[in-house]
Amino acid sequence: MPFVHVTKNVYAVPTPGANSKIEDCFDEATKAMTVGGKTFNDGKDFDRDLHYGKKIFAHKVVRPNADSIDFGGFRPLLTNLVAAINSHRTV
């Protein structure tokens, strides 16, 4: 099952893949974009002189480039969200 029905209208829909995170849905070209000469790092502890994190990724990479980013990697997650919605409709 691609989701877990927690209670009432609460569902947990994990990102696809073992130990995955939402940033894994973006293609490598998007994650390779530099901002101010820095590269993306989605970890918790990183050298801020060399890398930028998730917030900057969202605001300085994804938002301004949304028209040209390939969001195809989100398809499995969106499919699982639709499955949860459809399941809730039958309850």
N, C-alpha and C. Protein backbone atom coordinates (compact mmCIF):
# COMPACT_ATOMS: atom_id res chain seq x y z
N MET A 1 0.85 -1.17 0.00
CA MET A 1 0.00 0.00 0.00
C MET A 1 0.90 1.24 0.00
N PRO A 2 0.65 2.19 -0.89
CA PRO A 2 1.51 3.37 -1.02
C PRO A 2 1.24 4.47 0.01
N PHE A 3 0.36 4.19 0.97
CA PHE A 3 0.04 5.17 1.99
C PHE A 3 -0.50 4.44 3.22
N VAL A 4 -0.58 5.16 4.33
CA VAL A 4 -1.13 4.58 5.56
C VAL A 4 -2.27 5.48 6.01
N HIS A 5 -3.43 4.86 6.25
CA HIS A 5 -4.56 5.60 6.80
C HIS A 5 -4.34 5.68 8.31
N VAL A 6 -4.10 6.87 8.81
CA VAL A 6 -3.78 7.06 10.23
C VAL A 6 -5.05 7.11 11.05
N THR A 7 -5.93 8.05 10.75
CA THR A 7 -7.21 8.20 11.43
C THR A 7 -8.09 9.17 10.66
N LYS A 8 -9.36 8.97 10.69
CA LYS A 8 -10.33 9.85 10.02
C LYS A 8 -9.82 10.26 8.64
N ASN A 9 -9.52 11.55 8.46
CA ASN A 9 -9.06 12.00 7.15
C ASN A 9 -7.56 12.29 7.14
N VAL A 10 -6.80 11.58 7.96
CA VAL A 10 -5.36 11.75 8.04
C VAL A 10 -4.68 10.52 7.42
N TYR A 11 -3.87 10.80 6.40
CA TYR A 11 -3.14 9.76 5.69
C TYR A 11 -1.66 10.11 5.69
N ALA A 12 -0.81 9.12 5.77
CA ALA A 12 0.64 9.32 5.64
C ALA A 12 1.04 8.75 4.28
N VAL A 13 1.61 9.62 3.45
CA VAL A 13 2.05 9.22 2.12
C VAL A 13 3.56 9.47 2.05
N PRO A 14 4.36 8.43 2.22
CA PRO A 14 5.81 8.63 2.20
C PRO A 14 6.34 8.87 0.80
N THR A 15 7.51 9.49 0.73
CA THR A 15 8.16 9.63 -0.57
C THR A 15 8.57 8.23 -1.03
N PRO A 16 8.48 7.98 -2.33
CA PRO A 16 8.82 6.65 -2.84
C PRO A 16 10.31 6.32 -2.66
N GLY A 17 10.59 5.09 -2.38
CA GLY A 17 11.98 4.65 -2.23
C GLY A 17 12.41 4.60 -0.78
N ALA A 18 13.35 3.73 -0.51
CA ALA A 18 13.87 3.59 0.85
C ALA A 18 14.70 4.81 1.23
N ASN A 19 14.47 5.32 2.41
CA ASN A 19 15.23 6.47 2.93
C ASN A 19 15.25 7.66 1.97
N SER A 20 14.14 7.90 1.30
CA SER A 20 14.10 9.00 0.34
C SER A 20 13.55 10.27 1.00
N LYS A 21 13.73 11.36 0.30
CA LYS A 21 13.21 12.66 0.75
C LYS A 21 12.67 13.38 -0.47
N ILE A 22 11.90 14.43 -0.24
CA ILE A 22 11.24 15.11 -1.35
C ILE A 22 12.22 15.60 -2.40
N GLU A 23 13.41 16.03 -1.99
CA GLU A 23 14.39 16.52 -2.95
C GLU A 23 14.84 15.44 -3.93
N ASP A 24 14.68 14.18 -3.55
CA ASP A 24 15.06 13.08 -4.44
C ASP A 24 14.16 13.02 -5.68
N CYS A 25 13.01 13.69 -5.64
CA CYS A 25 12.10 13.71 -6.78
C CYS A 25 12.58 14.64 -7.89
N PHE A 26 13.47 15.56 -7.57
CA PHE A 26 14.01 16.46 -8.59
C PHE A 26 15.09 15.76 -9.39
N ASP A 27 15.22 16.16 -10.65
CA ASP A 27 16.25 15.56 -11.49
C ASP A 27 17.63 16.11 -11.10
N GLU A 28 18.65 15.43 -11.54
CA GLU A 28 20.02 15.79 -11.18
C GLU A 28 20.40 17.18 -11.69
N ALA A 29 19.89 17.56 -12.86
CA ALA A 29 20.22 18.88 -13.40
C ALA A 29 19.71 20.00 -12.48
N THR A 30 18.54 19.81 -11.92
CA THR A 30 17.97 20.81 -11.02
C THR A 30 18.78 20.87 -9.73
N LYS A 31 19.11 19.72 -9.19
CA LYS A 31 19.89 19.69 -7.94
C LYS A 31 21.32 20.16 -8.13
N ALA A 32 21.78 20.20 -9.39
CA ALA A 32 23.15 20.63 -9.66
C ALA A 32 23.27 22.15 -9.88
N MET A 33 22.14 22.86 -9.86
CA MET A 33 22.19 24.30 -10.09
C MET A 33 22.93 24.99 -8.94
N THR A 34 23.77 25.94 -9.31
CA THR A 34 24.52 26.67 -8.29
C THR A 34 23.81 27.98 -7.97
N VAL A 35 24.01 28.43 -6.75
CA VAL A 35 23.47 29.72 -6.28
C VAL A 35 24.63 30.44 -5.61
N GLY A 36 25.01 31.56 -6.15
CA GLY A 36 26.12 32.32 -5.59
C GLY A 36 27.41 31.52 -5.52
N GLY A 37 27.61 30.65 -6.52
CA GLY A 37 28.81 29.81 -6.55
C GLY A 37 28.76 28.61 -5.63
N LYS A 38 27.63 28.41 -4.95
CA LYS A 38 27.49 27.28 -4.02
C LYS A 38 26.64 26.19 -4.66
N THR A 39 26.87 24.94 -4.21
CA THR A 39 26.09 23.80 -4.69
C THR A 39 25.10 23.36 -3.62
N PHE A 40 24.08 22.65 -4.06
CA PHE A 40 23.02 22.20 -3.17
C PHE A 40 23.49 21.05 -2.29
N ASN A 41 23.10 21.09 -1.02
CA ASN A 41 23.36 20.00 -0.09
C ASN A 41 22.11 19.86 0.77
N ASP A 42 21.46 18.70 0.69
CA ASP A 42 20.22 18.50 1.44
C ASP A 42 20.43 17.84 2.80
N GLY A 43 21.68 17.77 3.23
CA GLY A 43 21.97 17.23 4.55
C GLY A 43 21.74 18.26 5.65
N LYS A 44 21.94 17.84 6.88
CA LYS A 44 21.75 18.75 8.01
C LYS A 44 23.00 19.55 8.32
N ASP A 45 24.13 18.91 8.27
CA ASP A 45 25.39 19.57 8.57
C ASP A 45 26.23 19.66 7.30
N PHE A 46 26.47 20.88 6.84
CA PHE A 46 27.29 21.08 5.65
C PHE A 46 28.00 22.43 5.76
N ASP A 47 29.01 22.59 4.96
CA ASP A 47 29.80 23.81 4.95
C ASP A 47 29.01 24.89 4.19
N ARG A 48 28.51 25.87 4.91
CA ARG A 48 27.69 26.92 4.32
C ARG A 48 28.49 27.85 3.40
N ASP A 49 29.80 27.77 3.45
CA ASP A 49 30.63 28.54 2.53
C ASP A 49 30.66 27.88 1.14
N LEU A 50 30.39 26.57 1.11
CA LEU A 50 30.45 25.82 -0.14
C LEU A 50 29.08 25.41 -0.68
N HIS A 51 28.11 25.29 0.23
CA HIS A 51 26.81 24.71 -0.15
C HIS A 51 25.65 25.57 0.34
N TYR A 52 24.50 25.35 -0.28
CA TYR A 52 23.25 25.94 0.20
C TYR A 52 22.28 24.81 0.53
N GLY A 53 21.29 25.11 1.35
CA GLY A 53 20.37 24.09 1.83
C GLY A 53 19.01 24.12 1.17
N LYS A 54 18.07 23.42 1.79
CA LYS A 54 16.74 23.20 1.24
C LYS A 54 15.94 24.49 1.04
N LYS A 55 16.04 25.42 1.98
CA LYS A 55 15.25 26.65 1.87
C LYS A 55 15.71 27.46 0.65
N ILE A 56 16.99 27.62 0.48
CA ILE A 56 17.51 28.35 -0.67
C ILE A 56 17.19 27.58 -1.95
N PHE A 57 17.27 26.27 -1.90
CA PHE A 57 16.91 25.44 -3.05
C PHE A 57 15.47 25.75 -3.49
N ALA A 58 14.56 25.80 -2.53
CA ALA A 58 13.16 26.06 -2.85
C ALA A 58 12.96 27.47 -3.41
N HIS A 59 13.58 28.46 -2.76
CA HIS A 59 13.32 29.85 -3.12
C HIS A 59 14.17 30.38 -4.28
N LYS A 60 15.39 29.89 -4.41
CA LYS A 60 16.30 30.44 -5.43
C LYS A 60 16.51 29.53 -6.64
N VAL A 61 16.09 28.26 -6.51
CA VAL A 61 16.24 27.34 -7.64
C VAL A 61 14.87 26.93 -8.17
N VAL A 62 14.04 26.34 -7.31
CA VAL A 62 12.76 25.80 -7.78
C VAL A 62 11.79 26.91 -8.19
N ARG A 63 11.56 27.86 -7.32
CA ARG A 63 10.57 28.90 -7.62
C ARG A 63 10.89 29.65 -8.92
N PRO A 64 12.09 30.21 -9.07
CA PRO A 64 12.34 30.99 -10.29
C PRO A 64 12.49 30.14 -11.57
N ASN A 65 12.70 28.85 -11.43
CA ASN A 65 12.89 27.99 -12.60
C ASN A 65 11.76 27.00 -12.80
N ALA A 66 10.64 27.21 -12.13
CA ALA A 66 9.54 26.24 -12.17
C ALA A 66 9.06 25.94 -13.58
N ASP A 67 9.11 26.92 -14.47
CA ASP A 67 8.64 26.69 -15.84
C ASP A 67 9.54 25.77 -16.65
N SER A 68 10.80 25.64 -16.23
CA SER A 68 11.74 24.83 -17.02
C SER A 68 12.20 23.56 -16.30
N ILE A 69 11.82 23.37 -15.04
CA ILE A 69 12.22 22.18 -14.28
C ILE A 69 11.39 20.98 -14.72
N ASP A 70 12.04 19.84 -14.83
CA ASP A 70 11.35 18.58 -15.12
C ASP A 70 10.83 18.01 -13.81
N PHE A 71 9.52 18.06 -13.61
CA PHE A 71 8.90 17.55 -12.39
C PHE A 71 8.45 16.10 -12.54
N GLY A 72 8.92 15.42 -13.58
CA GLY A 72 8.53 14.03 -13.82
C GLY A 72 8.86 13.09 -12.68
N GLY A 73 9.89 13.41 -11.92
CA GLY A 73 10.28 12.56 -10.79
C GLY A 73 9.26 12.55 -9.66
N PHE A 74 8.30 13.47 -9.71
CA PHE A 74 7.26 13.53 -8.69
C PHE A 74 6.09 12.60 -9.01
N ARG A 75 6.07 12.04 -10.21
CA ARG A 75 4.95 11.22 -10.63
C ARG A 75 4.62 10.08 -9.65
N PRO A 76 5.59 9.29 -9.17
CA PRO A 76 5.25 8.22 -8.23
C PRO A 76 4.62 8.76 -6.93
N LEU A 77 5.14 9.86 -6.43
CA LEU A 77 4.57 10.45 -5.21
C LEU A 77 3.15 10.93 -5.47
N LEU A 78 2.94 11.61 -6.58
CA LEU A 78 1.60 12.11 -6.91
C LEU A 78 0.62 10.96 -7.13
N THR A 79 1.09 9.88 -7.73
CA THR A 79 0.24 8.70 -7.91
C THR A 79 -0.20 8.15 -6.55
N ASN A 80 0.71 8.12 -5.59
CA ASN A 80 0.38 7.64 -4.25
C ASN A 80 -0.58 8.59 -3.54
N LEU A 81 -0.43 9.88 -3.76
CA LEU A 81 -1.37 10.85 -3.17
C LEU A 81 -2.77 10.66 -3.74
N VAL A 82 -2.85 10.43 -5.05
CA VAL A 82 -4.15 10.18 -5.67
C VAL A 82 -4.76 8.91 -5.11
N ALA A 83 -3.97 7.88 -4.88
CA ALA A 83 -4.48 6.64 -4.29
C ALA A 83 -5.05 6.89 -2.90
N ALA A 84 -4.40 7.72 -2.11
CA ALA A 84 -4.90 8.04 -0.77
C ALA A 84 -6.21 8.81 -0.86
N ILE A 85 -6.28 9.77 -1.77
CA ILE A 85 -7.51 10.55 -1.97
C ILE A 85 -8.65 9.64 -2.39
N ASN A 86 -8.38 8.77 -3.36
CA ASN A 86 -9.42 7.85 -3.82
C ASN A 86 -9.86 6.90 -2.72
N SER A 87 -8.94 6.46 -1.90
CA SER A 87 -9.29 5.59 -0.78
C SER A 87 -10.20 6.32 0.20
N HIS A 88 -9.87 7.58 0.46
CA HIS A 88 -10.68 8.37 1.41
C HIS A 88 -12.09 8.58 0.87
N ARG A 89 -12.25 8.69 -0.41
CA ARG A 89 -13.57 8.87 -1.02
C ARG A 89 -14.48 7.68 -0.78
N THR A 90 -13.88 6.49 -0.60
CA THR A 90 -14.69 5.29 -0.41
C THR A 90 -15.04 5.02 1.05
N VAL A 91 -14.46 5.80 1.96
CA VAL A 91 -14.69 5.59 3.39
C VAL A 91 -16.00 6.21 3.80
